[in-house]
PDB file of all heavy atoms in Angstrom:
ATOM      1  N   VAL A   1       0.846  -1.192   0.000  1.00  0.00           N
ATOM      2  CA  VAL A   1       0.000   0.000   0.000  1.00  0.00           C
ATOM      3  C   VAL A   1       0.884   1.246   0.000  1.00  0.00           C
ATOM      4  O   VAL A   1       1.771   1.395   0.843  1.00  0.00           O
ATOM      5  CB  VAL A   1      -0.934   0.024   1.222  1.00  0.00           C
ATOM      6  CG1 VAL A   1      -1.665   1.365   1.322  1.00  0.00           C
ATOM      7  CG2 VAL A   1      -1.933  -1.124   1.138  1.00  0.00           C
ATOM      8  N   GLN A   2       0.624   2.125  -0.959  1.00  0.00           N
ATOM      9  CA  GLN A   2       1.385   3.359  -1.091  1.00  0.00           C
ATOM     10  C   GLN A   2       0.448   4.554  -0.989  1.00  0.00           C
ATOM     11  O   GLN A   2      -0.741   4.460  -1.281  1.00  0.00           O
ATOM     12  CB  GLN A   2       2.130   3.383  -2.427  1.00  0.00           C
ATOM     13  CG  GLN A   2       3.028   4.596  -2.627  1.00  0.00           C
ATOM     14  CD  GLN A   2       3.925   4.454  -3.844  1.00  0.00           C
ATOM     15  OE1 GLN A   2       4.550   3.424  -4.053  1.00  0.00           O
ATOM     16  NE2 GLN A   2       4.017   5.501  -4.652  1.00  0.00           N
ATOM     17  N   SER A   3       0.986   5.706  -0.585  1.00  0.00           N
ATOM     18  CA  SER A   3       0.209   6.940  -0.523  1.00  0.00           C
ATOM     19  C   SER A   3       1.112   8.097  -0.912  1.00  0.00           C
ATOM     20  O   SER A   3       2.313   7.922  -1.150  1.00  0.00           O
ATOM     21  CB  SER A   3      -0.359   7.164   0.878  1.00  0.00           C
ATOM     22  OG  SER A   3       0.700   7.327   1.824  1.00  0.00           O
ATOM     23  N   MET A   4       0.525   9.306  -0.969  1.00  0.00           N
ATOM     24  CA  MET A   4       1.305  10.490  -1.309  1.00  0.00           C
ATOM     25  C   MET A   4       0.848  11.676  -0.471  1.00  0.00           C
ATOM     26  O   MET A   4      -0.344  11.851  -0.214  1.00  0.00           O
ATOM     27  CB  MET A   4       1.176  10.819  -2.797  1.00  0.00           C
ATOM     28  CG  MET A   4       2.075  11.970  -3.233  1.00  0.00           C
ATOM     29  SD  MET A   4       2.017  12.254  -5.012  1.00  0.00           S
ATOM     30  CE  MET A   4       3.244  13.588  -5.144  1.00  0.00           C
ATOM     31  N   THR A   5       1.808  12.490  -0.064  1.00  0.00           N
ATOM     32  CA  THR A   5       1.479  13.701   0.681  1.00  0.00           C
ATOM     33  C   THR A   5       0.924  14.765  -0.263  1.00  0.00           C
ATOM     34  O   THR A   5       1.172  14.750  -1.468  1.00  0.00           O
ATOM     35  CB  THR A   5       2.722  14.275   1.383  1.00  0.00           C
ATOM     36  OG1 THR A   5       3.715  14.593   0.381  1.00  0.00           O
ATOM     37  CG2 THR A   5       3.312  13.269   2.372  1.00  0.00           C
ATOM     38  N   ASN A   6       0.192  15.730   0.297  1.00  0.00           N
ATOM     39  CA  ASN A   6      -0.213  16.913  -0.465  1.00  0.00           C
ATOM     40  C   ASN A   6       0.269  18.186   0.226  1.00  0.00           C
ATOM     41  O   ASN A   6      -0.255  19.270  -0.024  1.00  0.00           O
ATOM     42  CB  ASN A   6      -1.722  16.946  -0.702  1.00  0.00           C
ATOM     43  CG  ASN A   6      -2.532  17.027   0.583  1.00  0.00           C
ATOM     44  OD1 ASN A   6      -1.995  16.894   1.685  1.00  0.00           O
ATOM     45  ND2 ASN A   6      -3.834  17.243   0.449  1.00  0.00           N
ATOM     46  N   THR A   7       1.278  18.057   1.075  1.00  0.00           N
ATOM     47  CA  THR A   7       1.899  19.219   1.694  1.00  0.00           C
ATOM     48  C   THR A   7       2.956  19.799   0.763  1.00  0.00           C
ATOM     49  O   THR A   7       3.442  19.120  -0.142  1.00  0.00           O
ATOM     50  CB  THR A   7       2.590  18.841   3.016  1.00  0.00           C
ATOM     51  OG1 THR A   7       3.566  17.817   2.751  1.00  0.00           O
ATOM     52  CG2 THR A   7       1.588  18.328   4.034  1.00  0.00           C
ATOM     53  N   ASP A   8       3.314  21.059   0.990  1.00  0.00           N
ATOM     54  CA  ASP A   8       4.489  21.636   0.362  1.00  0.00           C
ATOM     55  C   ASP A   8       5.702  20.993   1.036  1.00  0.00           C
ATOM     56  O   ASP A   8       5.904  21.148   2.236  1.00  0.00           O
ATOM     57  CB  ASP A   8       4.494  23.157   0.552  1.00  0.00           C
ATOM     58  CG  ASP A   8       5.721  23.825  -0.066  1.00  0.00           C
ATOM     59  OD1 ASP A   8       6.593  23.118  -0.623  1.00  0.00           O
ATOM     60  OD2 ASP A   8       5.820  25.068   0.026  1.00  0.00           O
ATOM     61  N   THR A   9       6.493  20.239   0.279  1.00  0.00           N
ATOM     62  CA  THR A   9       7.602  19.507   0.874  1.00  0.00           C
ATOM     63  C   THR A   9       8.595  20.435   1.562  1.00  0.00           C
ATOM     64  O   THR A   9       9.286  20.036   2.505  1.00  0.00           O
ATOM     65  CB  THR A   9       8.302  18.644  -0.195  1.00  0.00           C
ATOM     66  OG1 THR A   9       7.317  17.785  -0.807  1.00  0.00           O
ATOM     67  CG2 THR A   9       9.398  17.770   0.398  1.00  0.00           C
ATOM     68  N   ALA A  10       8.658  21.701   1.111  1.00  0.00           N
ATOM     69  CA  ALA A  10       9.530  22.671   1.778  1.00  0.00           C
ATOM     70  C   ALA A  10       9.061  22.967   3.202  1.00  0.00           C
ATOM     71  O   ALA A  10       9.839  23.461   4.024  1.00  0.00           O
ATOM     72  CB  ALA A  10       9.604  23.961   0.959  1.00  0.00           C
ATOM     73  N   ASP A  11       7.799  22.683   3.494  1.00  0.00           N
ATOM     74  CA  ASP A  11       7.260  22.792   4.856  1.00  0.00           C
ATOM     75  C   ASP A  11       7.647  21.515   5.595  1.00  0.00           C
ATOM     76  O   ASP A  11       6.938  20.517   5.568  1.00  0.00           O
ATOM     77  CB  ASP A  11       5.742  22.965   4.802  1.00  0.00           C
ATOM     78  CG  ASP A  11       5.080  22.947   6.182  1.00  0.00           C
ATOM     79  OD1 ASP A  11       5.810  22.912   7.211  1.00  0.00           O
ATOM     80  OD2 ASP A  11       3.829  22.946   6.237  1.00  0.00           O
ATOM     81  N   ILE A  12       8.788  21.553   6.259  1.00  0.00           N
ATOM     82  CA  ILE A  12       9.361  20.345   6.852  1.00  0.00           C
ATOM     83  C   ILE A  12       8.444  19.744   7.906  1.00  0.00           C
ATOM     84  O   ILE A  12       8.126  18.552   7.873  1.00  0.00           O
ATOM     85  CB  ILE A  12      10.757  20.648   7.430  1.00  0.00           C
ATOM     86  CG1 ILE A  12      11.712  21.024   6.292  1.00  0.00           C
ATOM     87  CG2 ILE A  12      11.297  19.443   8.216  1.00  0.00           C
ATOM     88  CD1 ILE A  12      13.062  21.534   6.760  1.00  0.00           C
ATOM     89  N   LYS A  13       7.988  20.559   8.860  1.00  0.00           N
ATOM     90  CA  LYS A  13       7.144  20.032   9.937  1.00  0.00           C
ATOM     91  C   LYS A  13       5.818  19.493   9.389  1.00  0.00           C
ATOM     92  O   LYS A  13       5.374  18.406   9.777  1.00  0.00           O
ATOM     93  CB  LYS A  13       6.861  21.106  10.983  1.00  0.00           C
ATOM     94  CG  LYS A  13       6.045  20.569  12.170  1.00  0.00           C
ATOM     95  CD  LYS A  13       5.740  21.626  13.197  1.00  0.00           C
ATOM     96  CE  LYS A  13       4.966  21.031  14.385  1.00  0.00           C
ATOM     97  NZ  LYS A  13       3.720  20.318  13.954  1.00  0.00           N
ATOM     98  N   GLY A  14       5.176  20.269   8.490  1.00  0.00           N
ATOM     99  CA  GLY A  14       3.902  19.824   7.944  1.00  0.00           C
ATOM    100  C   GLY A  14       4.031  18.511   7.192  1.00  0.00           C
ATOM    101  O   GLY A  14       3.156  17.638   7.283  1.00  0.00           O
ATOM    102  N   THR A  15       5.140  18.351   6.460  1.00  0.00           N
ATOM    103  CA  THR A  15       5.347  17.122   5.702  1.00  0.00           C
ATOM    104  C   THR A  15       5.656  15.955   6.629  1.00  0.00           C
ATOM    105  O   THR A  15       5.156  14.842   6.430  1.00  0.00           O
ATOM    106  CB  THR A  15       6.466  17.314   4.668  1.00  0.00           C
ATOM    107  OG1 THR A  15       6.131  18.410   3.807  1.00  0.00           O
ATOM    108  CG2 THR A  15       6.653  16.063   3.824  1.00  0.00           C
ATOM    109  N   ILE A  16       6.467  16.198   7.651  1.00  0.00           N
ATOM    110  CA  ILE A  16       6.746  15.144   8.633  1.00  0.00           C
ATOM    111  C   ILE A  16       5.448  14.682   9.281  1.00  0.00           C
ATOM    112  O   ILE A  16       5.196  13.471   9.411  1.00  0.00           O
ATOM    113  CB  ILE A  16       7.743  15.638   9.705  1.00  0.00           C
ATOM    114  CG1 ILE A  16       9.143  15.785   9.114  1.00  0.00           C
ATOM    115  CG2 ILE A  16       7.778  14.662  10.895  1.00  0.00           C
ATOM    116  CD1 ILE A  16      10.141  16.435  10.070  1.00  0.00           C
ATOM    117  N   ASP A  17       4.604  15.628   9.675  1.00  0.00           N
ATOM    118  CA  ASP A  17       3.341  15.284  10.333  1.00  0.00           C
ATOM    119  C   ASP A  17       2.467  14.427   9.425  1.00  0.00           C
ATOM    120  O   ASP A  17       1.882  13.431   9.871  1.00  0.00           O
ATOM    121  CB  ASP A  17       2.582  16.557  10.736  1.00  0.00           C
ATOM    122  CG  ASP A  17       3.216  17.282  11.906  1.00  0.00           C
ATOM    123  OD1 ASP A  17       4.067  16.685  12.607  1.00  0.00           O
ATOM    124  OD2 ASP A  17       2.866  18.466  12.128  1.00  0.00           O
ATOM    125  N   GLN A  18       2.375  14.816   8.137  1.00  0.00           N
ATOM    126  CA  GLN A  18       1.490  14.068   7.251  1.00  0.00           C
ATOM    127  C   GLN A  18       2.071  12.699   6.897  1.00  0.00           C
ATOM    128  O   GLN A  18       1.336  11.717   6.860  1.00  0.00           O
ATOM    129  CB  GLN A  18       1.197  14.852   5.974  1.00  0.00           C
ATOM    130  CG  GLN A  18       0.069  14.213   5.164  1.00  0.00           C
ATOM    131  CD  GLN A  18      -0.397  15.058   4.003  1.00  0.00           C
ATOM    132  OE1 GLN A  18       0.081  14.901   2.895  1.00  0.00           O
ATOM    133  NE2 GLN A  18      -1.345  15.951   4.255  1.00  0.00           N
ATOM    134  N   VAL A  19       3.370  12.619   6.645  1.00  0.00           N
ATOM    135  CA  VAL A  19       3.975  11.311   6.376  1.00  0.00           C
ATOM    136  C   VAL A  19       3.773  10.386   7.569  1.00  0.00           C
ATOM    137  O   VAL A  19       3.417   9.210   7.412  1.00  0.00           O
ATOM    138  CB  VAL A  19       5.482  11.452   6.059  1.00  0.00           C
ATOM    139  CG1 VAL A  19       6.134  10.060   5.992  1.00  0.00           C
ATOM    140  CG2 VAL A  19       5.692  12.186   4.743  1.00  0.00           C
ATOM    141  N   ALA A  20       3.978  10.915   8.776  1.00  0.00           N
ATOM    142  CA  ALA A  20       3.800  10.102   9.983  1.00  0.00           C
ATOM    143  C   ALA A  20       2.359   9.630  10.114  1.00  0.00           C
ATOM    144  O   ALA A  20       2.104   8.475  10.491  1.00  0.00           O
ATOM    145  CB  ALA A  20       4.210  10.902  11.223  1.00  0.00           C
ATOM    146  N   ALA A  21       1.390  10.504   9.786  1.00  0.00           N
ATOM    147  CA  ALA A  21      -0.023  10.126   9.853  1.00  0.00           C
ATOM    148  C   ALA A  21      -0.342   9.050   8.824  1.00  0.00           C
ATOM    149  O   ALA A  21      -1.070   8.089   9.120  1.00  0.00           O
ATOM    150  CB  ALA A  21      -0.905  11.353   9.621  1.00  0.00           C
ATOM    151  N   LEU A  22       0.189   9.178   7.610  1.00  0.00           N
ATOM    152  CA  LEU A  22      -0.037   8.177   6.570  1.00  0.00           C
ATOM    153  C   LEU A  22       0.581   6.833   6.964  1.00  0.00           C
ATOM    154  O   LEU A  22      -0.029   5.776   6.777  1.00  0.00           O
ATOM    155  CB  LEU A  22       0.544   8.663   5.240  1.00  0.00           C
ATOM    156  CG  LEU A  22      -0.186   9.841   4.584  1.00  0.00           C
ATOM    157  CD1 LEU A  22       0.672  10.464   3.483  1.00  0.00           C
ATOM    158  CD2 LEU A  22      -1.543   9.419   4.034  1.00  0.00           C
ATOM    159  N   ALA A  23       1.788   6.895   7.519  1.00  0.00           N
ATOM    160  CA  ALA A  23       2.441   5.660   7.958  1.00  0.00           C
ATOM    161  C   ALA A  23       1.674   5.017   9.104  1.00  0.00           C
ATOM    162  O   ALA A  23       1.513   3.793   9.156  1.00  0.00           O
ATOM    163  CB  ALA A  23       3.885   5.954   8.375  1.00  0.00           C
ATOM    164  N   ARG A  24       1.200   5.840  10.042  1.00  0.00           N
ATOM    165  CA  ARG A  24       0.427   5.315  11.167  1.00  0.00           C
ATOM    166  C   ARG A  24      -0.865   4.651  10.669  1.00  0.00           C
ATOM    167  O   ARG A  24      -1.294   3.634  11.204  1.00  0.00           O
ATOM    168  CB  ARG A  24       0.083   6.444  12.144  1.00  0.00           C
ATOM    169  CG  ARG A  24      -0.741   5.992  13.358  1.00  0.00           C
ATOM    170  CD  ARG A  24      -1.019   7.166  14.298  1.00  0.00           C
ATOM    171  NE  ARG A  24      -1.955   6.798  15.361  1.00  0.00           N
ATOM    172  CZ  ARG A  24      -1.645   6.199  16.484  1.00  0.00           C
ATOM    173  NH1 ARG A  24      -0.384   5.887  16.718  1.00  0.00           N
ATOM    174  NH2 ARG A  24      -2.562   5.890  17.399  1.00  0.00           N
ATOM    175  N   ALA A  25      -1.450   5.216   9.614  1.00  0.00           N
ATOM    176  CA  ALA A  25      -2.674   4.638   9.045  1.00  0.00           C
ATOM    177  C   ALA A  25      -2.402   3.331   8.315  1.00  0.00           C
ATOM    178  O   ALA A  25      -3.338   2.581   8.022  1.00  0.00           O
ATOM    179  CB  ALA A  25      -3.334   5.630   8.092  1.00  0.00           C
ATOM    180  N   GLY A  26      -1.122   3.070   7.990  1.00  0.00           N
ATOM    181  CA  GLY A  26      -0.779   1.806   7.350  1.00  0.00           C
ATOM    182  C   GLY A  26      -0.102   1.918   6.002  1.00  0.00           C
ATOM    183  O   GLY A  26       0.162   0.899   5.353  1.00  0.00           O
ATOM    184  N   SER A  27       0.201   3.140   5.549  1.00  0.00           N
ATOM    185  CA  SER A  27       0.907   3.286   4.283  1.00  0.00           C
ATOM    186  C   SER A  27       2.318   2.729   4.431  1.00  0.00           C
ATOM    187  O   SER A  27       3.055   3.097   5.338  1.00  0.00           O
ATOM    188  CB  SER A  27       0.972   4.758   3.869  1.00  0.00           C
ATOM    189  OG  SER A  27       1.607   4.891   2.618  1.00  0.00           O
ATOM    190  N   GLU A  28       2.701   1.850   3.501  1.00  0.00           N
ATOM    191  CA  GLU A  28       3.991   1.181   3.602  1.00  0.00           C
ATOM    192  C   GLU A  28       5.089   1.876   2.800  1.00  0.00           C
ATOM    193  O   GLU A  28       6.272   1.636   2.994  1.00  0.00           O
ATOM    194  CB  GLU A  28       3.829  -0.277   3.149  1.00  0.00           C
ATOM    195  CG  GLU A  28       2.929  -1.067   4.095  1.00  0.00           C
ATOM    196  CD  GLU A  28       2.372  -2.338   3.500  1.00  0.00           C
ATOM    197  OE1 GLU A  28       1.666  -2.260   2.476  1.00  0.00           O
ATOM    198  OE2 GLU A  28       2.621  -3.419   4.068  1.00  0.00           O
ATOM    199  N   ILE A  29       4.691   2.760   1.894  1.00  0.00           N
ATOM    200  CA  ILE A  29       5.585   3.624   1.135  1.00  0.00           C
ATOM    201  C   ILE A  29       4.868   4.958   0.978  1.00  0.00           C
ATOM    202  O   ILE A  29       3.660   4.990   0.727  1.00  0.00           O
ATOM    203  CB  ILE A  29       5.921   3.038  -0.255  1.00  0.00           C
ATOM    204  CG1 ILE A  29       6.666   1.704  -0.124  1.00  0.00           C
ATOM    205  CG2 ILE A  29       6.741   4.016  -1.080  1.00  0.00           C
ATOM    206  CD1 ILE A  29       6.908   1.004  -1.473  1.00  0.00           C
ATOM    207  N   VAL A  30       5.593   6.074   1.126  1.00  0.00           N
ATOM    208  CA  VAL A  30       4.978   7.393   0.986  1.00  0.00           C
ATOM    209  C   VAL A  30       5.772   8.206  -0.036  1.00  0.00           C
ATOM    210  O   VAL A  30       6.993   8.314   0.054  1.00  0.00           O
ATOM    211  CB  VAL A  30       4.917   8.153   2.325  1.00  0.00           C
ATOM    212  CG1 VAL A  30       4.319   9.555   2.115  1.00  0.00           C
ATOM    213  CG2 VAL A  30       4.076   7.383   3.349  1.00  0.00           C
ATOM    214  N   ARG A  31       5.047   8.792  -0.981  1.00  0.00           N
ATOM    215  CA  ARG A  31       5.668   9.620  -2.015  1.00  0.00           C
ATOM    216  C   ARG A  31       5.510  11.092  -1.656  1.00  0.00           C
ATOM    217  O   ARG A  31       4.443  11.520  -1.209  1.00  0.00           O
ATOM    218  CB  ARG A  31       5.026   9.309  -3.371  1.00  0.00           C
ATOM    219  CG  ARG A  31       5.589  10.078  -4.551  1.00  0.00           C
ATOM    220  CD  ARG A  31       5.319   9.357  -5.868  1.00  0.00           C
ATOM    221  NE  ARG A  31       3.934   9.054  -6.099  1.00  0.00           N
ATOM    222  CZ  ARG A  31       3.169   9.637  -7.035  1.00  0.00           C
ATOM    223  NH1 ARG A  31       3.682  10.553  -7.833  1.00  0.00           N
ATOM    224  NH2 ARG A  31       1.897   9.281  -7.194  1.00  0.00           N
ATOM    225  N   ILE A  32       6.570  11.853  -1.860  1.00  0.00           N
ATOM    226  CA  ILE A  32       6.548  13.294  -1.611  1.00  0.00           C
ATOM    227  C   ILE A  32       6.986  14.025  -2.870  1.00  0.00           C
ATOM    228  O   ILE A  32       7.763  13.504  -3.671  1.00  0.00           O
ATOM    229  CB  ILE A  32       7.441  13.695  -0.417  1.00  0.00           C
ATOM    230  CG1 ILE A  32       8.903  13.301  -0.663  1.00  0.00           C
ATOM    231  CG2 ILE A  32       6.937  13.049   0.868  1.00  0.00           C
ATOM    232  CD1 ILE A  32       9.856  13.731   0.464  1.00  0.00           C
ATOM    233  N   THR A  33       6.496  15.239  -3.061  1.00  0.00           N
ATOM    234  CA  THR A  33       6.835  16.037  -4.235  1.00  0.00           C
ATOM    235  C   THR A  33       8.187  16.706  -4.044  1.00  0.00           C
ATOM    236  O   THR A  33       8.432  17.353  -3.029  1.00  0.00           O
ATOM    237  CB  THR A  33       5.764  17.119  -4.464  1.00  0.00           C
ATOM    238  OG1 THR A  33       4.501  16.491  -4.679  1.00  0.00           O
ATOM    239  CG2 THR A  33       6.108  17.977  -5.666  1.00  0.00           C
ATOM    240  N   VAL A  34       9.058  16.553  -5.034  1.00  0.00           N
ATOM    241  CA  VAL A  34      10.339  17.258  -5.043  1.00  0.00           C
ATOM    242  C   VAL A  34      10.374  18.076  -6.330  1.00  0.00           C
ATOM    243  O   VAL A  34      10.818  17.603  -7.377  1.00  0.00           O
ATOM    244  CB  VAL A  34      11.534  16.286  -4.945  1.00  0.00           C
ATOM    245  CG1 VAL A  34      12.837  17.071  -4.788  1.00  0.00           C
ATOM    246  CG2 VAL A  34      11.364  15.321  -3.771  1.00  0.00           C
ATOM    247  N   ASP A  35       9.867  19.300  -6.237  1.00  0.00           N
ATOM    248  CA  ASP A  35       9.634  20.104  -7.430  1.00  0.00           C
ATOM    249  C   ASP A  35      10.542  21.315  -7.573  1.00  0.00           C
ATOM    250  O   ASP A  35      10.554  21.960  -8.621  1.00  0.00           O
ATOM    251  CB  ASP A  35       8.173  20.563  -7.466  1.00  0.00           C
ATOM    252  CG  ASP A  35       7.785  21.369  -6.224  1.00  0.00           C
ATOM    253  OD1 ASP A  35       8.502  21.313  -5.196  1.00  0.00           O
ATOM    254  OD2 ASP A  35       6.735  22.047  -6.270  1.00  0.00           O
ATOM    255  N   ARG A  36      11.285  21.644  -6.509  1.00  0.00           N
ATOM    256  CA  ARG A  36      12.154  22.814  -6.571  1.00  0.00           C
ATOM    257  C   ARG A  36      13.252  22.649  -5.532  1.00  0.00           C
ATOM    258  O   ARG A  36      13.222  21.731  -4.707  1.00  0.00           O
ATOM    259  CB  ARG A  36      11.356  24.097  -6.342  1.00  0.00           C
ATOM    260  CG  ARG A  36      10.740  24.241  -4.966  1.00  0.00           C
ATOM    261  CD  ARG A  36       9.722  25.367  -4.970  1.00  0.00           C
ATOM    262  NE  ARG A  36       9.348  25.799  -3.637  1.00  0.00           N
ATOM    263  CZ  ARG A  36       8.470  25.189  -2.869  1.00  0.00           C
ATOM    264  NH1 ARG A  36       7.862  24.068  -3.315  1.00  0.00           N
ATOM    265  NH2 ARG A  36       8.177  25.664  -1.659  1.00  0.00           N
ATOM    266  N   ASP A  37      14.205  23.576  -5.558  1.00  0.00           N
ATOM    267  CA  ASP A  37      15.388  23.438  -4.717  1.00  0.00           C
ATOM    268  C   ASP A  37      15.034  23.413  -3.234  1.00  0.00           C
ATOM    269  O   ASP A  37      15.617  22.637  -2.468  1.00  0.00           O
ATOM    270  CB  ASP A  37      16.362  24.583  -5.005  1.00  0.00           C
ATOM    271  CG  ASP A  37      17.739  24.336  -4.399  1.00  0.00           C
ATOM    272  OD1 ASP A  37      18.398  23.356  -4.785  1.00  0.00           O
ATOM    273  OD2 ASP A  37      18.136  25.133  -3.528  1.00  0.00           O
ATOM    274  N   GLU A  38      14.072  24.244  -2.813  1.00  0.00           N
ATOM    275  CA  GLU A  38      13.694  24.287  -1.398  1.00  0.00           C
ATOM    276  C   GLU A  38      13.143  22.940  -0.931  1.00  0.00           C
ATOM    277  O   GLU A  38      13.409  22.497   0.189  1.00  0.00           O
ATOM    278  CB  GLU A  38      12.648  25.384  -1.143  1.00  0.00           C
ATOM    279  CG  GLU A  38      13.137  26.804  -1.353  1.00  0.00           C
ATOM    280  CD  GLU A  38      13.060  27.269  -2.783  1.00  0.00           C
ATOM    281  OE1 GLU A  38      12.787  26.453  -3.696  1.00  0.00           O
ATOM    282  OE2 GLU A  38      13.279  28.474  -3.001  1.00  0.00           O
ATOM    283  N   ALA A  39      12.387  22.283  -1.807  1.00  0.00           N
ATOM    284  CA  ALA A  39      11.843  20.969  -1.467  1.00  0.00           C
ATOM    285  C   ALA A  39      12.955  19.932  -1.376  1.00  0.00           C
ATOM    286  O   ALA A  39      12.983  19.108  -0.459  1.00  0.00           O
ATOM    287  CB  ALA A  39      10.804  20.544  -2.510  1.00  0.00           C
ATOM    288  N   ALA A  40      13.890  19.963  -2.339  1.00  0.00           N
ATOM    289  CA  ALA A  40      14.999  19.012  -2.328  1.00  0.00           C
ATOM    290  C   ALA A  40      15.853  19.162  -1.072  1.00  0.00           C
ATOM    291  O   ALA A  40      16.267  18.166  -0.471  1.00  0.00           O
ATOM    292  CB  ALA A  40      15.857  19.202  -3.578  1.00  0.00           C
TER     293      ALA A  40
END
């Protein structure tokens, strides 16, 4: 089971919170957007 965040990846805390929530719900792989230098 895979999922994807919809946070701005440059928002470190917001992305950590959502990835953790997805993982807690049972997502076994999580995809995040890497669209610009700040996100990378």
